[in-house]
Amino acid sequence: MAGYIAVRRAAETRRASSTSLAARVASALAIWRQRRNLAELPAYLREDLGLTQSQVLRESRRPIWDAPELWRS
């Protein structure tokens, strides 16, 4: 019985930690869209956020798979 429970918990953990392909694509597209919108911000909005043009360019040029862990959940 204990072996069955351990196997079942391992399977549930794998399922919970794996993300579907559709979810990964949706996340990548959302990141791409957010970075594109950031790059297109007018200067007065960028300044309201306290960002420099170089910071905006650096962030907007990052690849879509390079996202903070918080965004991936």
Protein backbone atom coordinates (compact mmCIF):
# COMPACT_ATOMS: atom_id res chain seq x y z
CA MET A 1 0.00 0.00 0.00
CA ALA A 2 2.78 2.43 0.89
CA GLY A 3 4.48 1.76 -2.45
CA TYR A 4 1.25 2.55 -4.30
CA ILE A 5 0.87 5.86 -2.45
CA ALA A 6 4.46 6.85 -3.21
CA VAL A 7 4.03 6.08 -6.92
CA ARG A 8 0.76 7.99 -7.06
CA ARG A 9 2.26 11.05 -5.32
CA ALA A 10 5.22 11.03 -7.72
CA ALA A 11 2.84 10.95 -10.69
CA GLU A 12 0.76 13.82 -9.27
CA THR A 13 3.91 15.86 -8.70
CA ARG A 14 5.06 15.30 -12.29
CA ARG A 15 1.64 16.30 -13.62
CA ALA A 16 1.53 19.44 -11.48
CA SER A 17 5.02 20.53 -12.49
CA SER A 18 4.60 19.91 -16.21
CA THR A 19 2.96 22.57 -18.33
CA SER A 20 1.03 21.84 -21.46
CA LEU A 21 2.38 22.97 -24.80
CA ALA A 22 -0.60 25.27 -25.28
CA ALA A 23 0.05 26.95 -21.92
CA ARG A 24 3.72 27.43 -22.77
CA VAL A 25 2.88 28.97 -26.15
CA ALA A 26 0.28 31.26 -24.55
CA SER A 27 2.82 32.35 -21.94
CA ALA A 28 5.49 33.02 -24.57
CA LEU A 29 3.06 35.08 -26.62
CA ALA A 30 2.02 37.08 -23.56
CA ILE A 31 5.65 37.83 -22.73
CA TRP A 32 6.34 38.85 -26.32
CA ARG A 33 3.26 41.12 -26.34
CA GLN A 34 4.20 42.77 -23.02
CA ARG A 35 7.75 43.45 -24.16
CA ARG A 36 6.54 44.82 -27.50
CA ASN A 37 4.13 47.16 -25.68
CA LEU A 38 6.92 48.25 -23.36
CA ALA A 39 9.14 49.10 -26.32
CA GLU A 40 6.36 51.22 -27.83
CA LEU A 41 5.70 53.28 -24.69
CA PRO A 42 5.87 57.04 -25.21
CA ALA A 43 8.67 58.81 -23.34
CA TYR A 44 6.35 60.45 -20.78
CA LEU A 45 4.89 57.07 -19.75
CA ARG A 46 8.31 55.47 -19.61
CA GLU A 47 9.46 58.29 -17.32
CA ASP A 48 6.37 57.83 -15.13
CA LEU A 49 7.49 54.26 -14.62
CA GLY A 50 11.00 55.43 -13.78
CA LEU A 51 12.59 53.63 -16.72
CA THR A 52 15.30 54.86 -19.02
CA GLN A 53 15.28 54.25 -22.75
CA SER A 54 18.23 51.86 -22.40
CA GLN A 55 16.39 49.83 -19.73
CA VAL A 56 13.34 49.57 -21.96
CA LEU A 57 15.43 48.51 -24.94
CA ARG A 58 17.32 45.92 -22.90
CA GLU A 59 14.09 44.39 -21.57
CA SER A 60 12.27 44.48 -24.88
CA ARG A 61 15.11 42.69 -26.66
CA ARG A 62 15.21 39.75 -24.26
CA PRO A 63 14.13 36.43 -25.80
CA ILE A 64 10.66 35.17 -24.92
CA TRP A 65 12.01 32.18 -23.01
CA ASP A 66 14.00 34.50 -20.72
CA ALA A 67 11.27 35.36 -18.24
CA PRO A 68 11.28 35.75 -14.45
CA GLU A 69 10.13 32.65 -12.58
CA LEU A 70 7.10 34.58 -11.27
CA TRP A 71 5.78 35.00 -14.84
CA ARG A 72 6.09 31.29 -15.62
CA SER A 73 3.56 30.08 -13.08
